[in-house]
Amino acid sequence: MGAHAGAAAHIHHQHERGTWMFEYRYMHMSMDGLLDGTDNVDTQDISGALPGMPPIKDPDKDYMMAPTAMTMDMHMLMAMYGLTDRVSLMFMGSYLRNEMDMVMHMPMMDMVGTMETSGFGDILFGAMDSISDTWTASLSLSIPTGGIDEHDTVTMQGINPMTQMPMSNTNDIKAGYPMQLGTGTWDLIPSLTYTDSADKFGWGLQASYRWHLGTNDNGYTWGNVLKAIGWGKYVFTPKLLGVSKLTVTDQRRIDGQDPELNPNRSPVTDPTATGGTRVDLSIGLNGFFGQQLNHVLGVEFGIPVYQDLNGPQMETDWILSLSYQLVL
């Protein structure tokens, strides 16, 4: 367990020559409400629509509709191979499912609906170099295999206040930026990790930068991401490891705009309402099983302790990760 920071922590650590590590990881993220900077925003203050076929945006509001809640479920498969005692190779693929609830405020009534997108995300290839017992450098390349043209048939429903009869409006809508499955660009991700330990305690730091190269086919580039992770761990028994982690993520706004996405439709179709800074605090437990303790089950739960978003933007409530690792 010397360099191991937990199966759900996704922290780079050394692998011996000729060894394989396989990991399946499931992550669920729950978002509810809107933030602009650090302030909560009511959907009625920023969005509204006037009756029509189809409805039109209220000229006194910034958007026609607004998201109220969103969930993201991600399934990840990762394989790592120790090419030498210093260098390890890594591959990671993912499958995503996003669901977002929306509201459209109209005179005397609200209409609500749900949008879903799902499919494979971008693929990641990388290499890690264990520079020393405490330092590990890595360089990864993200290949744009995830979709950036996802649509969904959305039905907005409400009750006519005059007749008390149900009303609905169904349209094929292109999903907003956070509902798409990939970035559409080739991305370089360098990182540097420091780890150390003494007796049953361990600690470390990891810094990474995601650099989106060029502009995607839809005319925009996701903002580059700077991430810093600090963690501490404690070995309760040879079969039980606890980890606490603080993650700081800072992302720039999207540069450019998808011509199919009207920025006045919703905050999630507005490229200026993207990016910001978030600080997450998480705790995790990892159990080691098998004769060689080469099976690892991990769970990690995190909550944001600080969010300053380029809003109005969905506020993250909590994040749960479950994982299984096999080392051969």
C-alpha atoms as a PDB file:
ATOM      1  CA  MET A   1       0.000   0.000   0.000  1.00  0.00           C
ATOM      2  CA  GLY A   2       3.046   2.256  -0.013  1.00  0.00           C
ATOM      3  CA  ALA A   3       2.072   4.522  -2.915  1.00  0.00           C
ATOM      4  CA  HIS A   4      -1.542   3.464  -3.126  1.00  0.00           C
ATOM      5  CA  ALA A   5      -3.900   6.393  -2.551  1.00  0.00           C
ATOM      6  CA  GLY A   6      -7.153   4.489  -2.866  1.00  0.00           C
ATOM      7  CA  ALA A   7      -9.005   2.757  -5.657  1.00  0.00           C
ATOM      8  CA  ALA A   8     -11.578   5.518  -6.089  1.00  0.00           C
ATOM      9  CA  ALA A   9      -9.085   8.365  -5.658  1.00  0.00           C
ATOM     10  CA  HIS A  10      -7.594   8.097  -9.182  1.00  0.00           C
ATOM     11  CA  ILE A  11      -4.161   9.218  -7.982  1.00  0.00           C
ATOM     12  CA  HIS A  12      -1.119   8.216 -10.033  1.00  0.00           C
ATOM     13  CA  HIS A  13       1.138   5.670  -8.366  1.00  0.00           C
ATOM     14  CA  GLN A  14       3.949   3.352  -9.377  1.00  0.00           C
ATOM     15  CA  HIS A  15       3.544  -0.032 -11.081  1.00  0.00           C
ATOM     16  CA  GLU A  16       6.217  -2.711 -11.281  1.00  0.00           C
ATOM     17  CA  ARG A  17       7.528  -3.925 -14.615  1.00  0.00           C
ATOM     18  CA  GLY A  18       5.281  -6.515 -16.277  1.00  0.00           C
ATOM     19  CA  THR A  19       2.323  -5.945 -13.946  1.00  0.00           C
ATOM     20  CA  TRP A  20      -1.187  -5.047 -15.044  1.00  0.00           C
ATOM     21  CA  MET A  21      -3.815  -3.082 -13.205  1.00  0.00           C
ATOM     22  CA  PHE A  22      -7.449  -3.027 -14.329  1.00  0.00           C
ATOM     23  CA  GLU A  23     -10.035  -0.733 -12.796  1.00  0.00           C
ATOM     24  CA  TYR A  24     -13.754  -0.247 -13.185  1.00  0.00           C
ATOM     25  CA  ARG A  25     -15.044   2.962 -11.641  1.00  0.00           C
ATOM     26  CA  TYR A  26     -18.578   4.330 -11.381  1.00  0.00           C
ATOM     27  CA  MET A  27     -19.126   7.990 -10.576  1.00  0.00           C
ATOM     28  CA  HIS A  28     -22.424   9.757  -9.851  1.00  0.00           C
ATOM     29  CA  MET A  29     -22.628  13.540  -9.664  1.00  0.00           C
ATOM     30  CA  SER A  30     -25.761  15.325  -8.469  1.00  0.00           C
ATOM     31  CA  MET A  31     -26.432  19.017  -9.227  1.00  0.00           C
ATOM     32  CA  ASP A  32     -29.338  21.122  -8.031  1.00  0.00           C
ATOM     33  CA  GLY A  33     -30.052  24.842  -8.374  1.00  0.00           C
ATOM     34  CA  LEU A  34     -28.034  27.626  -9.976  1.00  0.00           C
ATOM     35  CA  LEU A  35     -25.064  29.727  -8.924  1.00  0.00           C
ATOM     36  CA  ASP A  36     -23.769  32.980 -10.396  1.00  0.00           C
ATOM     37  CA  GLY A  37     -20.381  33.487  -8.831  1.00  0.00           C
ATOM     38  CA  THR A  38     -21.000  32.377  -5.259  1.00  0.00           C
ATOM     39  CA  ASP A  39     -24.635  33.579  -5.169  1.00  0.00           C
ATOM     40  CA  ASN A  40     -27.722  31.412  -5.558  1.00  0.00           C
ATOM     41  CA  VAL A  41     -29.961  32.306  -8.499  1.00  0.00           C
ATOM     42  CA  ASP A  42     -33.710  31.711  -8.831  1.00  0.00           C
ATOM     43  CA  THR A  43     -34.804  30.431 -12.220  1.00  0.00           C
ATOM     44  CA  GLN A  44     -37.644  32.991 -12.262  1.00  0.00           C
ATOM     45  CA  ASP A  45     -35.115  35.833 -12.117  1.00  0.00           C
ATOM     46  CA  ILE A  46     -33.279  34.788 -15.276  1.00  0.00           C
ATOM     47  CA  SER A  47     -35.752  32.919 -17.482  1.00  0.00           C
ATOM     48  CA  GLY A  48     -39.229  33.275 -18.921  1.00  0.00           C
ATOM     49  CA  ALA A  49     -41.282  32.724 -22.069  1.00  0.00           C
ATOM     50  CA  LEU A  50     -44.360  34.253 -23.703  1.00  0.00           C
ATOM     51  CA  PRO A  51     -47.168  32.152 -25.225  1.00  0.00           C
ATOM     52  CA  GLY A  52     -46.832  31.192 -28.869  1.00  0.00           C
ATOM     53  CA  MET A  53     -46.376  28.245 -31.190  1.00  0.00           C
ATOM     54  CA  PRO A  54     -43.643  27.678 -30.219  1.00  0.00           C
ATOM     55  CA  PRO A  55     -43.249  29.933 -27.155  1.00  0.00           C
ATOM     56  CA  ILE A  56     -40.818  32.860 -27.444  1.00  0.00           C
ATOM     57  CA  LYS A  57     -38.376  34.284 -24.914  1.00  0.00           C
ATOM     58  CA  ASP A  58     -39.630  36.985 -22.591  1.00  0.00           C
ATOM     59  CA  PRO A  59     -37.632  40.090 -23.673  1.00  0.00           C
ATOM     60  CA  ASP A  60     -37.219  41.071 -20.012  1.00  0.00           C
ATOM     61  CA  LYS A  61     -35.344  37.830 -19.210  1.00  0.00           C
ATOM     62  CA  ASP A  62     -31.894  36.587 -20.201  1.00  0.00           C
ATOM     63  CA  TYR A  63     -33.068  33.079 -21.111  1.00  0.00           C
ATOM     64  CA  MET A  64     -36.231  31.332 -22.256  1.00  0.00           C
ATOM     65  CA  MET A  65     -35.801  28.332 -19.928  1.00  0.00           C
ATOM     66  CA  ALA A  66     -33.447  27.212 -17.179  1.00  0.00           C
ATOM     67  CA  PRO A  67     -32.140  23.944 -15.710  1.00  0.00           C
ATOM     68  CA  THR A  68     -33.317  23.021 -12.232  1.00  0.00           C
ATOM     69  CA  ALA A  69     -31.422  19.773 -11.561  1.00  0.00           C
ATOM     70  CA  MET A  70     -28.928  17.523 -13.345  1.00  0.00           C
ATOM     71  CA  THR A  71     -27.302  14.160 -12.745  1.00  0.00           C
ATOM     72  CA  MET A  72     -24.289  12.657 -14.459  1.00  0.00           C
ATOM     73  CA  ASP A  73     -23.451   8.944 -14.301  1.00  0.00           C
ATOM     74  CA  MET A  74     -20.091   7.827 -15.646  1.00  0.00           C
ATOM     75  CA  HIS A  75     -18.751   4.286 -16.059  1.00  0.00           C
ATOM     76  CA  MET A  76     -14.973   4.140 -16.585  1.00  0.00           C
ATOM     77  CA  LEU A  77     -12.668   1.304 -17.548  1.00  0.00           C
ATOM     78  CA  MET A  78      -8.937   1.794 -17.065  1.00  0.00           C
ATOM     79  CA  ALA A  79      -5.961  -0.448 -17.781  1.00  0.00           C
ATOM     80  CA  MET A  80      -2.361   0.210 -16.740  1.00  0.00           C
ATOM     81  CA  TYR A  81       0.758  -1.756 -17.634  1.00  0.00           C
ATOM     82  CA  GLY A  82       4.240  -1.494 -16.115  1.00  0.00           C
ATOM     83  CA  LEU A  83       6.432  -1.212 -19.203  1.00  0.00           C
ATOM     84  CA  THR A  84       9.520  -0.841 -17.014  1.00  0.00           C
ATOM     85  CA  ASP A  85      10.029  -0.295 -13.297  1.00  0.00           C
ATOM     86  CA  ARG A  86       9.821   3.450 -14.062  1.00  0.00           C
ATOM     87  CA  VAL A  87       7.393   3.775 -16.956  1.00  0.00           C
ATOM     88  CA  SER A  88       3.739   2.669 -16.978  1.00  0.00           C
ATOM     89  CA  LEU A  89       1.225   2.953 -19.815  1.00  0.00           C
ATOM     90  CA  MET A  90      -2.422   3.841 -19.268  1.00  0.00           C
ATOM     91  CA  PHE A  91      -5.683   3.561 -21.224  1.00  0.00           C
ATOM     92  CA  MET A  92      -9.089   4.786 -20.119  1.00  0.00           C
ATOM     93  CA  GLY A  93     -12.519   4.776 -21.754  1.00  0.00           C
ATOM     94  CA  SER A  94     -15.881   5.914 -20.430  1.00  0.00           C
ATOM     95  CA  TYR A  95     -19.625   5.691 -20.921  1.00  0.00           C
ATOM     96  CA  LEU A  96     -21.797   8.594 -19.767  1.00  0.00           C
ATOM     97  CA  ARG A  97     -25.458   9.209 -19.060  1.00  0.00           C
ATOM     98  CA  ASN A  98     -26.688  12.738 -18.379  1.00  0.00           C
ATOM     99  CA  GLU A  99     -30.164  13.804 -17.289  1.00  0.00           C
ATOM    100  CA  MET A 100     -31.318  17.385 -16.842  1.00  0.00           C
ATOM    101  CA  ASP A 101     -34.649  18.775 -15.589  1.00  0.00           C
ATOM    102  CA  MET A 102     -35.750  22.117 -17.057  1.00  0.00           C
ATOM    103  CA  VAL A 103     -38.408  24.717 -16.365  1.00  0.00           C
ATOM    104  CA  MET A 104     -39.977  27.339 -18.631  1.00  0.00           C
ATOM    105  CA  HIS A 105     -41.817  30.068 -16.728  1.00  0.00           C
ATOM    106  CA  MET A 106     -44.838  31.431 -18.611  1.00  0.00           C
ATOM    107  CA  PRO A 107     -47.588  33.840 -17.520  1.00  0.00           C
ATOM    108  CA  MET A 108     -49.635  32.101 -14.795  1.00  0.00           C
ATOM    109  CA  MET A 109     -48.020  28.689 -15.414  1.00  0.00           C
ATOM    110  CA  ASP A 110     -44.771  26.754 -15.582  1.00  0.00           C
ATOM    111  CA  MET A 111     -43.828  24.082 -18.087  1.00  0.00           C
ATOM    112  CA  VAL A 112     -41.297  21.419 -17.109  1.00  0.00           C
ATOM    113  CA  GLY A 113     -39.418  18.747 -19.025  1.00  0.00           C
ATOM    114  CA  THR A 114     -36.412  16.428 -18.943  1.00  0.00           C
ATOM    115  CA  MET A 115     -33.533  15.960 -21.387  1.00  0.00           C
ATOM    116  CA  GLU A 116     -31.272  12.897 -21.555  1.00  0.00           C
ATOM    117  CA  THR A 117     -28.059  12.103 -23.401  1.00  0.00           C
ATOM    118  CA  SER A 118     -25.914   8.977 -23.209  1.00  0.00           C
ATOM    119  CA  GLY A 119     -23.031   7.319 -25.019  1.00  0.00           C
ATOM    120  CA  PHE A 120     -19.287   6.781 -25.049  1.00  0.00           C
ATOM    121  CA  GLY A 121     -17.003   9.623 -24.017  1.00  0.00           C
ATOM    122  CA  ASP A 122     -13.488  10.589 -25.030  1.00  0.00           C
ATOM    123  CA  ILE A 123     -10.668   8.020 -24.843  1.00  0.00           C
ATOM    124  CA  LEU A 124      -7.487   8.673 -22.869  1.00  0.00           C
ATOM    125  CA  PHE A 125      -4.000   7.271 -23.526  1.00  0.00           C
ATOM    126  CA  GLY A 126      -1.071   8.143 -21.304  1.00  0.00           C
ATOM    127  CA  ALA A 127       2.322   7.285 -19.854  1.00  0.00           C
ATOM    128  CA  MET A 128       3.669   7.740 -16.320  1.00  0.00           C
ATOM    129  CA  ASP A 129       7.338   8.040 -15.340  1.00  0.00           C
ATOM    130  CA  SER A 130       8.276   7.277 -11.729  1.00  0.00           C
ATOM    131  CA  ILE A 131      11.096   9.787 -11.498  1.00  0.00           C
ATOM    132  CA  SER A 132      11.904   8.760  -7.918  1.00  0.00           C
ATOM    133  CA  ASP A 133      10.312   7.029  -4.949  1.00  0.00           C
ATOM    134  CA  THR A 134       8.290  10.186  -4.283  1.00  0.00           C
ATOM    135  CA  TRP A 135       7.802  11.899  -7.678  1.00  0.00           C
ATOM    136  CA  THR A 136       5.756  10.708 -10.681  1.00  0.00           C
ATOM    137  CA  ALA A 137       5.257  12.634 -13.923  1.00  0.00           C
ATOM    138  CA  SER A 138       2.655  11.773 -16.536  1.00  0.00           C
ATOM    139  CA  LEU A 139       1.495  12.901 -19.954  1.00  0.00           C
ATOM    140  CA  SER A 140      -1.869  11.842 -21.387  1.00  0.00           C
ATOM    141  CA  LEU A 141      -3.645  12.448 -24.680  1.00  0.00           C
ATOM    142  CA  SER A 142      -7.437  12.641 -24.837  1.00  0.00           C
ATOM    143  CA  ILE A 143      -8.871  11.539 -28.188  1.00  0.00           C
ATOM    144  CA  PRO A 144     -12.233  13.136 -29.168  1.00  0.00           C
ATOM    145  CA  THR A 145     -14.402  10.041 -29.509  1.00  0.00           C
ATOM    146  CA  GLY A 146     -17.301  11.449 -27.447  1.00  0.00           C
ATOM    147  CA  GLY A 147     -20.226  13.023 -29.274  1.00  0.00           C
ATOM    148  CA  ILE A 148     -20.675  16.811 -29.506  1.00  0.00           C
ATOM    149  CA  ASP A 149     -23.885  16.710 -31.593  1.00  0.00           C
ATOM    150  CA  GLU A 150     -26.219  14.996 -29.123  1.00  0.00           C
ATOM    151  CA  HIS A 151     -29.959  15.759 -29.489  1.00  0.00           C
ATOM    152  CA  ASP A 152     -33.027  14.665 -27.554  1.00  0.00           C
ATOM    153  CA  THR A 153     -36.764  14.861 -28.145  1.00  0.00           C
ATOM    154  CA  VAL A 154     -38.000  16.949 -25.225  1.00  0.00           C
ATOM    155  CA  THR A 155     -41.604  17.417 -24.143  1.00  0.00           C
ATOM    156  CA  MET A 156     -42.348  20.447 -21.960  1.00  0.00           C
ATOM    157  CA  GLN A 157     -45.554  19.935 -19.998  1.00  0.00           C
ATOM    158  CA  GLY A 158     -47.810  22.138 -17.900  1.00  0.00           C
ATOM    159  CA  ILE A 159     -51.421  22.810 -16.821  1.00  0.00           C
ATOM    160  CA  ASN A 160     -53.416  25.577 -18.504  1.00  0.00           C
ATOM    161  CA  PRO A 161     -54.587  27.794 -15.603  1.00  0.00           C
ATOM    162  CA  MET A 162     -57.763  28.804 -17.464  1.00  0.00           C
ATOM    163  CA  THR A 163     -59.011  25.378 -18.562  1.00  0.00           C
ATOM    164  CA  GLN A 164     -57.063  23.174 -16.114  1.00  0.00           C
ATOM    165  CA  MET A 165     -56.221  21.059 -19.146  1.00  0.00           C
ATOM    166  CA  PRO A 166     -52.728  19.645 -19.673  1.00  0.00           C
ATOM    167  CA  MET A 167     -50.549  21.385 -22.247  1.00  0.00           C
ATOM    168  CA  SER A 168     -47.405  20.094 -23.933  1.00  0.00           C
ATOM    169  CA  ASN A 169     -44.868  21.179 -26.490  1.00  0.00           C
ATOM    170  CA  THR A 170     -42.509  18.604 -28.068  1.00  0.00           C
ATOM    171  CA  ASN A 171     -39.335  19.509 -29.959  1.00  0.00           C
ATOM    172  CA  ASP A 172     -36.084  17.935 -31.040  1.00  0.00           C
ATOM    173  CA  ILE A 173     -33.468  19.963 -29.151  1.00  0.00           C
ATOM    174  CA  LYS A 174     -29.701  19.925 -29.370  1.00  0.00           C
ATOM    175  CA  ALA A 175     -28.259  19.334 -25.908  1.00  0.00           C
ATOM    176  CA  GLY A 176     -26.355  22.134 -24.194  1.00  0.00           C
ATOM    177  CA  TYR A 177     -22.623  22.141 -23.630  1.00  0.00           C
ATOM    178  CA  PRO A 178     -22.522  20.228 -20.290  1.00  0.00           C
ATOM    179  CA  MET A 179     -24.872  17.563 -21.704  1.00  0.00           C
ATOM    180  CA  GLN A 180     -22.564  16.685 -24.609  1.00  0.00           C
ATOM    181  CA  LEU A 181     -20.419  13.548 -24.268  1.00  0.00           C
ATOM    182  CA  GLY A 182     -16.992  14.824 -25.339  1.00  0.00           C
ATOM    183  CA  THR A 183     -14.916  17.932 -25.926  1.00  0.00           C
ATOM    184  CA  GLY A 184     -14.492  17.518 -29.685  1.00  0.00           C
ATOM    185  CA  THR A 185     -10.803  18.406 -29.380  1.00  0.00           C
ATOM    186  CA  TRP A 186      -7.536  16.562 -28.852  1.00  0.00           C
ATOM    187  CA  ASP A 187      -6.400  17.404 -25.324  1.00  0.00           C
ATOM    188  CA  LEU A 188      -2.981  17.171 -23.677  1.00  0.00           C
ATOM    189  CA  ILE A 189      -2.937  16.471 -19.927  1.00  0.00           C
ATOM    190  CA  PRO A 190       0.439  16.717 -18.151  1.00  0.00           C
ATOM    191  CA  SER A 191       0.597  16.049 -14.420  1.00  0.00           C
ATOM    192  CA  LEU A 192       3.083  15.853 -11.577  1.00  0.00           C
ATOM    193  CA  THR A 193       2.509  13.815  -8.392  1.00  0.00           C
ATOM    194  CA  TYR A 194       4.375  13.779  -5.069  1.00  0.00           C
ATOM    195  CA  THR A 195       3.802  11.032  -2.496  1.00  0.00           C
ATOM    196  CA  ASP A 196       5.400  10.180   0.832  1.00  0.00           C
ATOM    197  CA  SER A 197       4.584   8.079   3.872  1.00  0.00           C
ATOM    198  CA  ALA A 198       5.686   7.312   7.397  1.00  0.00           C
ATOM    199  CA  ASP A 199       4.480   4.318   9.391  1.00  0.00           C
ATOM    200  CA  LYS A 200       0.718   4.108   8.845  1.00  0.00           C
ATOM    201  CA  PHE A 201       0.339   7.638   7.476  1.00  0.00           C
ATOM    202  CA  GLY A 202       0.745   8.821   3.909  1.00  0.00           C
ATOM    203  CA  TRP A 203       0.214  12.072   2.027  1.00  0.00           C
ATOM    204  CA  GLY A 204       0.672  13.601  -1.362  1.00  0.00           C
ATOM    205  CA  LEU A 205      -0.023  16.311  -3.904  1.00  0.00           C
ATOM    206  CA  GLN A 206      -0.952  16.115  -7.565  1.00  0.00           C
ATOM    207  CA  ALA A 207      -1.211  18.962 -10.084  1.00  0.00           C
ATOM    208  CA  SER A 208      -2.521  18.551 -13.627  1.00  0.00           C
ATOM    209  CA  TYR A 209      -3.473  20.773 -16.551  1.00  0.00           C
ATOM    210  CA  ARG A 210      -5.903  19.924 -19.337  1.00  0.00           C
ATOM    211  CA  TRP A 211      -4.997  21.808 -22.498  1.00  0.00           C
ATOM    212  CA  HIS A 212      -7.628  21.698 -25.249  1.00  0.00           C
ATOM    213  CA  LEU A 213      -5.849  21.860 -28.600  1.00  0.00           C
ATOM    214  CA  GLY A 214      -7.511  23.835 -31.385  1.00  0.00           C
ATOM    215  CA  THR A 215     -11.223  24.285 -32.072  1.00  0.00           C
ATOM    216  CA  ASN A 216     -13.729  21.464 -32.504  1.00  0.00           C
ATOM    217  CA  ASP A 217     -15.927  20.908 -35.561  1.00  0.00           C
ATOM    218  CA  ASN A 218     -18.723  22.974 -33.994  1.00  0.00           C
ATOM    219  CA  GLY A 219     -16.613  26.099 -33.631  1.00  0.00           C
ATOM    220  CA  TYR A 220     -15.781  26.170 -29.920  1.00  0.00           C
ATOM    221  CA  THR A 221     -13.127  25.056 -27.434  1.00  0.00           C
ATOM    222  CA  TRP A 222     -13.743  24.030 -23.841  1.00  0.00           C
ATOM    223  CA  GLY A 223     -11.831  26.096 -21.304  1.00  0.00           C
ATOM    224  CA  ASN A 224      -8.522  24.687 -20.123  1.00  0.00           C
ATOM    225  CA  VAL A 225      -8.589  23.065 -16.671  1.00  0.00           C
ATOM    226  CA  LEU A 226      -6.070  23.407 -13.839  1.00  0.00           C
ATOM    227  CA  LYS A 227      -6.540  20.846 -11.068  1.00  0.00           C
ATOM    228  CA  ALA A 228      -4.692  20.400  -7.769  1.00  0.00           C
ATOM    229  CA  ILE A 229      -5.287  17.497  -5.366  1.00  0.00           C
ATOM    230  CA  GLY A 230      -3.960  17.084  -1.856  1.00  0.00           C
ATOM    231  CA  TRP A 231      -4.627  13.951   0.162  1.00  0.00           C
ATOM    232  CA  GLY A 232      -3.801  12.080   3.320  1.00  0.00           C
ATOM    233  CA  LYS A 233      -4.220   8.381   4.022  1.00  0.00           C
ATOM    234  CA  TYR A 234      -4.178   6.087   7.011  1.00  0.00           C
ATOM    235  CA  VAL A 235      -3.634   2.320   7.020  1.00  0.00           C
ATOM    236  CA  PHE A 236      -6.104   0.968   9.582  1.00  0.00           C
ATOM    237  CA  THR A 237      -5.143  -2.665   8.879  1.00  0.00           C
ATOM    238  CA  PRO A 238      -3.317  -4.413   6.014  1.00  0.00           C
ATOM    239  CA  LYS A 239      -6.746  -4.843   4.434  1.00  0.00           C
ATOM    240  CA  LEU A 240      -8.308  -1.418   5.113  1.00  0.00           C
ATOM    241  CA  LEU A 241      -7.093   1.982   3.919  1.00  0.00           C
ATOM    242  CA  GLY A 242      -8.739   5.356   4.576  1.00  0.00           C
ATOM    243  CA  VAL A 243      -8.197   8.413   2.405  1.00  0.00           C
ATOM    244  CA  SER A 244      -9.227  12.061   2.715  1.00  0.00           C
ATOM    245  CA  LYS A 245      -8.816  14.364  -0.246  1.00  0.00           C
ATOM    246  CA  LEU A 246      -9.121  18.052  -1.143  1.00  0.00           C
ATOM    247  CA  THR A 247      -9.508  18.850  -4.858  1.00  0.00           C
ATOM    248  CA  VAL A 248      -9.318  22.333  -6.382  1.00  0.00           C
ATOM    249  CA  THR A 249     -10.540  22.650  -9.982  1.00  0.00           C
ATOM    250  CA  ASP A 250     -10.293  25.875 -11.974  1.00  0.00           C
ATOM    251  CA  GLN A 251     -11.689  25.986 -15.516  1.00  0.00           C
ATOM    252  CA  ARG A 252     -11.816  28.798 -18.080  1.00  0.00           C
ATOM    253  CA  ARG A 253     -14.941  29.686 -20.053  1.00  0.00           C
ATOM    254  CA  ILE A 254     -15.705  28.102 -23.422  1.00  0.00           C
ATOM    255  CA  ASP A 255     -14.085  30.002 -26.288  1.00  0.00           C
ATOM    256  CA  GLY A 256     -16.365  30.277 -29.331  1.00  0.00           C
ATOM    257  CA  GLN A 257     -19.930  29.111 -29.848  1.00  0.00           C
ATOM    258  CA  ASP A 258     -21.824  26.197 -31.392  1.00  0.00           C
ATOM    259  CA  PRO A 259     -23.957  27.779 -34.176  1.00  0.00           C
ATOM    260  CA  GLU A 260     -26.780  25.322 -33.420  1.00  0.00           C
ATOM    261  CA  LEU A 261     -27.046  26.440 -29.785  1.00  0.00           C
ATOM    262  CA  ASN A 262     -28.930  29.682 -29.122  1.00  0.00           C
ATOM    263  CA  PRO A 263     -27.231  31.283 -26.078  1.00  0.00           C
ATOM    264  CA  ASN A 264     -30.581  32.855 -25.136  1.00  0.00           C
ATOM    265  CA  ARG A 265     -32.345  29.497 -24.854  1.00  0.00           C
ATOM    266  CA  SER A 266     -30.862  28.436 -21.522  1.00  0.00           C
ATOM    267  CA  PRO A 267     -27.748  28.901 -19.362  1.00  0.00           C
ATOM    268  CA  VAL A 268     -26.547  25.462 -20.552  1.00  0.00           C
ATOM    269  CA  THR A 269     -26.500  26.733 -24.162  1.00  0.00           C
ATOM    270  CA  ASP A 270     -24.643  29.930 -23.218  1.00  0.00           C
ATOM    271  CA  PRO A 271     -20.853  29.524 -23.613  1.00  0.00           C
ATOM    272  CA  THR A 272     -20.201  32.423 -21.232  1.00  0.00           C
ATOM    273  CA  ALA A 273     -21.990  30.493 -18.437  1.00  0.00           C
ATOM    274  CA  THR A 274     -19.241  27.864 -18.222  1.00  0.00           C
ATOM    275  CA  GLY A 275     -16.140  27.396 -16.121  1.00  0.00           C
ATOM    276  CA  GLY A 276     -15.249  28.654 -12.680  1.00  0.00           C
ATOM    277  CA  THR A 277     -13.620  27.373  -9.510  1.00  0.00           C
ATOM    278  CA  ARG A 278     -14.748  24.512  -7.277  1.00  0.00           C
ATOM    279  CA  VAL A 279     -13.188  22.985  -4.162  1.00  0.00           C
ATOM    280  CA  ASP A 280     -14.289  19.464  -3.188  1.00  0.00           C
ATOM    281  CA  LEU A 281     -13.670  17.648   0.089  1.00  0.00           C
ATOM    282  CA  SER A 282     -13.977  13.870   0.003  1.00  0.00           C
ATOM    283  CA  ILE A 283     -13.365  10.820   2.169  1.00  0.00           C
ATOM    284  CA  GLY A 284     -12.880   7.242   1.019  1.00  0.00           C
ATOM    285  CA  LEU A 285     -12.357   3.690   2.230  1.00  0.00           C
ATOM    286  CA  ASN A 286     -10.564   0.890   0.388  1.00  0.00           C
ATOM    287  CA  GLY A 287     -10.674  -2.816   1.182  1.00  0.00           C
ATOM    288  CA  PHE A 288      -7.953  -5.209  -0.037  1.00  0.00           C
ATOM    289  CA  PHE A 289      -8.901  -8.841  -0.696  1.00  0.00           C
ATOM    290  CA  GLY A 290      -7.431 -12.093  -2.011  1.00  0.00           C
ATOM    291  CA  GLN A 291      -4.365 -14.061  -0.983  1.00  0.00           C
ATOM    292  CA  GLN A 292      -2.087 -11.397  -2.477  1.00  0.00           C
ATOM    293  CA  LEU A 293      -4.422  -8.508  -1.547  1.00  0.00           C
ATOM    294  CA  ASN A 294      -4.616  -7.704  -5.254  1.00  0.00           C
ATOM    295  CA  HIS A 295      -8.367  -7.108  -5.336  1.00  0.00           C
ATOM    296  CA  VAL A 296      -9.367  -3.634  -4.157  1.00  0.00           C
ATOM    297  CA  LEU A 297     -12.873  -2.296  -3.536  1.00  0.00           C
ATOM    298  CA  GLY A 298     -13.147   1.453  -3.042  1.00  0.00           C
ATOM    299  CA  VAL A 299     -15.797   3.995  -2.157  1.00  0.00           C
ATOM    300  CA  GLU A 300     -15.389   7.765  -2.074  1.00  0.00           C
ATOM    301  CA  PHE A 301     -17.922  10.463  -1.192  1.00  0.00           C
ATOM    302  CA  GLY A 302     -17.343  14.159  -1.778  1.00  0.00           C
ATOM    303  CA  ILE A 303     -19.089  17.480  -1.371  1.00  0.00           C
ATOM    304  CA  PRO A 304     -18.101  20.924  -2.639  1.00  0.00           C
ATOM    305  CA  VAL A 305     -16.952  23.272   0.119  1.00  0.00           C
ATOM    306  CA  TYR A 306     -16.555  26.249  -2.230  1.00  0.00           C
ATOM    307  CA  GLN A 307     -17.986  27.109  -5.647  1.00  0.00           C
ATOM    308  CA  ASP A 308     -17.416  30.308  -7.635  1.00  0.00           C
ATOM    309  CA  LEU A 309     -18.976  29.705 -11.047  1.00  0.00           C
ATOM    310  CA  ASN A 310     -19.186  31.735 -14.229  1.00  0.00           C
ATOM    311  CA  GLY A 311     -22.944  31.593 -14.036  1.00  0.00           C
ATOM    312  CA  PRO A 312     -25.733  31.177 -14.008  1.00  0.00           C
ATOM    313  CA  GLN A 313     -24.561  27.563 -13.852  1.00  0.00           C
ATOM    314  CA  MET A 314     -25.627  24.309 -12.188  1.00  0.00           C
ATOM    315  CA  GLU A 315     -24.462  23.954  -8.581  1.00  0.00           C
ATOM    316  CA  THR A 316     -22.836  20.632  -7.647  1.00  0.00           C
ATOM    317  CA  ASP A 317     -24.356  19.004  -4.534  1.00  0.00           C
ATOM    318  CA  TRP A 318     -22.401  15.771  -4.059  1.00  0.00           C
ATOM    319  CA  ILE A 319     -20.235  13.188  -5.838  1.00  0.00           C
ATOM    320  CA  LEU A 320     -20.048   9.437  -5.225  1.00  0.00           C
ATOM    321  CA  SER A 321     -17.435   7.055  -6.674  1.00  0.00           C
ATOM    322  CA  LEU A 322     -17.355   3.258  -6.439  1.00  0.00           C
ATOM    323  CA  SER A 323     -14.517   1.204  -7.853  1.00  0.00           C
ATOM    324  CA  TYR A 324     -12.938  -2.196  -8.241  1.00  0.00           C
ATOM    325  CA  GLN A 325      -9.247  -2.772  -9.008  1.00  0.00           C
ATOM    326  CA  LEU A 326      -7.407  -5.935  -9.985  1.00  0.00           C
ATOM    327  CA  VAL A 327      -3.589  -6.056  -9.974  1.00  0.00           C
ATOM    328  CA  LEU A 328      -1.884  -8.898 -11.856  1.00  0.00           C
END
